[in-house]
Amino acid sequence: DIDVWIDAQDRVRRMSVDISGSIGGEQSRTQMTTDFVEFGRVPKIEIPPADEVFNATSEIESQVQSAAEGG
């Protein structure tokens, strides 16, 4: 389920997500609510140095596959 709250200016103010499922026979449920505030502000984002980050996509995919296979 996804619920979205819209304000008088047609801006998304809150989004709530509720996801249920199973992996490898185990039931799982994730609930997450995000509030959106301070519209119009531009955040200062600094990208970390390359030696401080890594792409974890393959590791996560491997763990999900392993869990799905019951391992």
Protein backbone atom coordinates (compact mmCIF):
# COMPACT_ATOMS: atom_id res chain seq x y z
CA ASP A 1 0.00 0.00 0.00
CA ILE A 2 1.13 3.55 -0.68
CA ASP A 3 -0.62 6.55 0.89
CA VAL A 4 0.26 10.10 -0.12
CA TRP A 5 -0.75 13.33 1.62
CA ILE A 6 -0.98 16.44 -0.60
CA ASP A 7 -1.04 20.01 0.75
CA ALA A 8 -3.07 23.02 -0.47
CA GLN A 9 -0.31 23.87 -2.99
CA ASP A 10 -0.49 20.34 -4.52
CA ARG A 11 2.85 19.32 -2.99
CA VAL A 12 3.48 15.87 -1.56
CA ARG A 13 3.89 16.36 2.22
CA ARG A 14 3.94 12.75 3.43
CA MET A 15 4.25 9.36 1.82
CA SER A 16 3.62 6.13 3.67
CA VAL A 17 4.57 2.74 2.19
CA ASP A 18 3.61 -0.67 3.59
CA ILE A 19 5.13 -3.69 1.81
CA SER A 20 4.54 -7.32 2.76
CA GLY A 21 5.99 -10.43 1.20
CA SER A 22 8.04 -13.53 1.79
CA ILE A 23 11.60 -14.60 1.08
CA GLY A 24 12.56 -18.23 1.37
CA GLY A 25 9.32 -19.00 3.19
CA GLU A 26 9.87 -16.26 5.78
CA GLN A 27 7.27 -13.51 6.00
CA SER A 28 8.50 -9.94 5.85
CA ARG A 29 6.84 -6.55 6.34
CA THR A 30 8.32 -3.13 5.85
CA GLN A 31 6.58 0.10 6.85
CA MET A 32 8.12 3.46 6.02
CA THR A 33 6.82 7.02 6.30
CA THR A 34 8.61 10.00 4.77
CA ASP A 35 7.74 13.63 5.54
CA PHE A 36 8.70 16.28 2.98
CA VAL A 37 9.52 19.73 4.39
CA GLU A 38 11.31 22.96 3.49
CA PHE A 39 10.33 23.13 -0.17
CA GLY A 40 12.49 25.40 -2.30
CA ARG A 41 15.69 24.94 -0.31
CA VAL A 42 18.62 23.61 -2.31
CA PRO A 43 20.73 21.28 -0.17
CA LYS A 44 24.51 21.42 -0.33
CA ILE A 45 25.61 17.93 -1.27
CA GLU A 46 29.24 16.90 -1.16
CA ILE A 47 30.17 13.72 -2.98
CA PRO A 48 32.51 11.57 -0.87
CA PRO A 49 35.93 10.60 -2.24
CA ALA A 50 35.93 7.48 -4.45
CA ASP A 51 38.07 5.57 -1.93
CA GLU A 52 35.32 5.95 0.72
CA VAL A 53 32.43 4.43 -1.29
CA PHE A 54 31.59 1.22 -3.13
CA ASN A 55 28.75 -0.19 -5.19
CA ALA A 56 26.96 -2.77 -3.03
CA THR A 57 24.42 -3.80 -5.68
CA SER A 58 26.00 -7.19 -6.50
CA GLU A 59 26.45 -8.02 -2.78
CA ILE A 60 22.78 -7.24 -2.03
CA GLU A 61 21.59 -9.20 -5.08
CA SER A 62 23.69 -12.17 -3.96
CA GLN A 63 22.25 -12.08 -0.44
CA VAL A 64 18.67 -11.80 -1.71
CA GLN A 65 19.23 -14.72 -4.10
CA SER A 66 20.77 -16.78 -1.29
CA ALA A 67 17.83 -16.03 1.02
CA ALA A 68 15.35 -16.92 -1.72
CA GLU A 69 17.11 -20.28 -2.18
CA GLY A 70 16.95 -20.93 1.57
CA GLY A 71 20.69 -20.55 2.09
